[in-house]
C-alpha atoms as a PDB file:
ATOM      1  CA  MET A   1     -58.731  23.873 -45.366  1.00  0.00           C
ATOM      2  CA  HIS A   2     -55.915  21.635 -46.447  1.00  0.00           C
ATOM      3  CA  THR A   3     -53.185  20.837 -44.053  1.00  0.00           C
ATOM      4  CA  THR A   4     -49.699  19.513 -44.607  1.00  0.00           C
ATOM      5  CA  SER A   5     -48.658  16.493 -42.545  1.00  0.00           C
ATOM      6  CA  PRO A   6     -45.258  16.877 -40.527  1.00  0.00           C
ATOM      7  CA  THR A   7     -42.205  16.456 -42.712  1.00  0.00           C
ATOM      8  CA  LEU A   8     -38.721  16.487 -41.160  1.00  0.00           C
ATOM      9  CA  LEU A   9     -36.589  19.093 -43.031  1.00  0.00           C
ATOM     10  CA  GLY A  10     -32.881  18.413 -43.296  1.00  0.00           C
ATOM     11  CA  ASN A  11     -30.537  16.037 -45.242  1.00  0.00           C
ATOM     12  CA  TYR A  12     -31.569  12.907 -47.036  1.00  0.00           C
ATOM     13  CA  GLN A  13     -29.443  10.231 -49.110  1.00  0.00           C
ATOM     14  CA  HIS A  14     -30.864   8.730 -52.058  1.00  0.00           C
ATOM     15  CA  TYR A  15     -31.052   5.009 -51.894  1.00  0.00           C
ATOM     16  CA  LYS A  16     -29.600   4.056 -55.219  1.00  0.00           C
ATOM     17  CA  THR A  17     -27.182   6.845 -56.106  1.00  0.00           C
ATOM     18  CA  GLY A  18     -25.931   7.665 -52.617  1.00  0.00           C
ATOM     19  CA  LYS A  19     -26.256  11.406 -53.733  1.00  0.00           C
ATOM     20  CA  LEU A  20     -27.430  14.185 -50.858  1.00  0.00           C
ATOM     21  CA  TYR A  21     -30.229  16.203 -51.082  1.00  0.00           C
ATOM     22  CA  GLU A  22     -31.646  18.931 -48.607  1.00  0.00           C
ATOM     23  CA  VAL A  23     -35.273  19.035 -48.050  1.00  0.00           C
ATOM     24  CA  ILE A  24     -36.338  22.613 -47.770  1.00  0.00           C
ATOM     25  CA  GLY A  25     -39.959  22.612 -47.985  1.00  0.00           C
ATOM     26  CA  ILE A  26     -43.526  21.227 -48.672  1.00  0.00           C
ATOM     27  CA  ALA A  27     -45.335  22.711 -51.404  1.00  0.00           C
ATOM     28  CA  HIS A  28     -48.681  21.860 -52.977  1.00  0.00           C
ATOM     29  CA  HIS A  29     -49.542  21.190 -56.731  1.00  0.00           C
ATOM     30  CA  SER A  30     -51.568  24.258 -57.951  1.00  0.00           C
ATOM     31  CA  GLU A  31     -54.361  21.845 -59.519  1.00  0.00           C
ATOM     32  CA  THR A  32     -54.587  18.769 -57.438  1.00  0.00           C
ATOM     33  CA  LEU A  33     -53.271  20.350 -53.975  1.00  0.00           C
ATOM     34  CA  GLU A  34     -50.902  17.149 -53.912  1.00  0.00           C
ATOM     35  CA  GLU A  35     -48.119  17.614 -51.440  1.00  0.00           C
ATOM     36  CA  MET A  36     -44.582  18.066 -53.199  1.00  0.00           C
ATOM     37  CA  VAL A  37     -41.376  17.619 -51.548  1.00  0.00           C
ATOM     38  CA  ILE A  38     -38.920  20.838 -52.482  1.00  0.00           C
ATOM     39  CA  TYR A  39     -35.493  19.440 -52.173  1.00  0.00           C
ATOM     40  CA  LYS A  40     -32.032  20.669 -53.371  1.00  0.00           C
ATOM     41  CA  ALA A  41     -29.246  18.698 -54.499  1.00  0.00           C
ATOM     42  CA  LEU A  42     -26.200  18.724 -52.430  1.00  0.00           C
ATOM     43  CA  TYR A  43     -23.802  18.099 -55.362  1.00  0.00           C
ATOM     44  CA  HIS A  44     -22.595  19.737 -58.741  1.00  0.00           C
ATOM     45  CA  CYS A  45     -24.021  18.140 -61.737  1.00  0.00           C
ATOM     46  CA  ASP A  46     -22.746  18.996 -65.415  1.00  0.00           C
ATOM     47  CA  GLN A  47     -26.336  19.293 -66.797  1.00  0.00           C
ATOM     48  CA  PHE A  48     -27.945  21.374 -63.965  1.00  0.00           C
ATOM     49  CA  GLY A  49     -25.028  22.758 -62.041  1.00  0.00           C
ATOM     50  CA  SER A  50     -24.843  23.296 -58.060  1.00  0.00           C
ATOM     51  CA  ASN A  51     -27.675  23.415 -55.772  1.00  0.00           C
ATOM     52  CA  HIS A  52     -30.460  22.588 -58.407  1.00  0.00           C
ATOM     53  CA  LEU A  53     -33.981  22.562 -57.005  1.00  0.00           C
ATOM     54  CA  TRP A  54     -36.395  19.606 -57.637  1.00  0.00           C
ATOM     55  CA  THR A  55     -39.713  18.423 -56.623  1.00  0.00           C
ATOM     56  CA  ARG A  56     -41.233  15.145 -56.051  1.00  0.00           C
ATOM     57  CA  PRO A  57     -44.745  14.149 -54.804  1.00  0.00           C
ATOM     58  CA  LYS A  58     -44.388  13.465 -51.303  1.00  0.00           C
ATOM     59  CA  LYS A  59     -45.771  10.120 -51.216  1.00  0.00           C
ATOM     60  CA  MET A  60     -43.153   9.017 -53.786  1.00  0.00           C
ATOM     61  CA  PHE A  61     -40.241  10.886 -51.872  1.00  0.00           C
ATOM     62  CA  PHE A  62     -41.054   8.994 -48.849  1.00  0.00           C
ATOM     63  CA  GLU A  63     -42.037   5.571 -50.466  1.00  0.00           C
ATOM     64  CA  GLU A  64     -40.102   2.318 -49.508  1.00  0.00           C
ATOM     65  CA  LEU A  65     -38.733   0.286 -52.730  1.00  0.00           C
ATOM     66  CA  PRO A  66     -37.088  -3.358 -53.201  1.00  0.00           C
ATOM     67  CA  TYR A  67     -33.428  -2.727 -53.535  1.00  0.00           C
ATOM     68  CA  ASN A  68     -30.838  -5.570 -53.360  1.00  0.00           C
ATOM     69  CA  GLY A  69     -33.175  -8.092 -51.647  1.00  0.00           C
ATOM     70  CA  ASN A  70     -34.336  -5.516 -49.285  1.00  0.00           C
ATOM     71  CA  ILE A  71     -36.835  -3.046 -48.764  1.00  0.00           C
ATOM     72  CA  VAL A  72     -35.364   0.555 -48.397  1.00  0.00           C
ATOM     73  CA  PRO A  73     -36.652   4.120 -48.185  1.00  0.00           C
ATOM     74  CA  ARG A  74     -36.191   5.924 -51.720  1.00  0.00           C
ATOM     75  CA  PHE A  75     -34.599   8.795 -49.488  1.00  0.00           C
ATOM     76  CA  ARG A  76     -32.944   8.049 -46.175  1.00  0.00           C
ATOM     77  CA  TYR A  77     -32.769  10.906 -43.458  1.00  0.00           C
ATOM     78  CA  ILE A  78     -29.212  11.541 -42.488  1.00  0.00           C
ATOM     79  CA  ILE A  79     -27.482  13.878 -39.912  1.00  0.00           C
ATOM     80  CA  LEU A  80     -24.336  15.242 -41.527  1.00  0.00           C
ATOM     81  CA  LYS A  81     -21.575  15.811 -39.316  1.00  0.00           C
ATOM     82  CA  THR A  82     -20.004  19.367 -39.284  1.00  0.00           C
ATOM     83  CA  ALA A  83     -16.385  20.352 -38.702  1.00  0.00           C
ATOM     84  CA  VAL A  84     -15.809  21.879 -35.118  1.00  0.00           C
ATOM     85  CA  GLU A  85     -12.972  24.336 -34.793  1.00  0.00           C
ATOM     86  CA  ILE A  86     -10.635  23.590 -32.013  1.00  0.00           C
END
């Protein structure tokens, strides 16, 4: 049986664009069983609209890359502050 390693669901920020995404789950490629991250754009895009879903290999989603002389995660987990009614 193939098991999925734990993944932190929630909000992530892309290293280069700064755009926000919500990881909503992990799926498996139907032929290779490779783990794939399923995530939703938290912004509007003229080409795809709002809340567009994306998939990327889990290994690639969580890899670290050189950027501006530093090694950074492709997607950085963030906690979004929510408004509190007083």
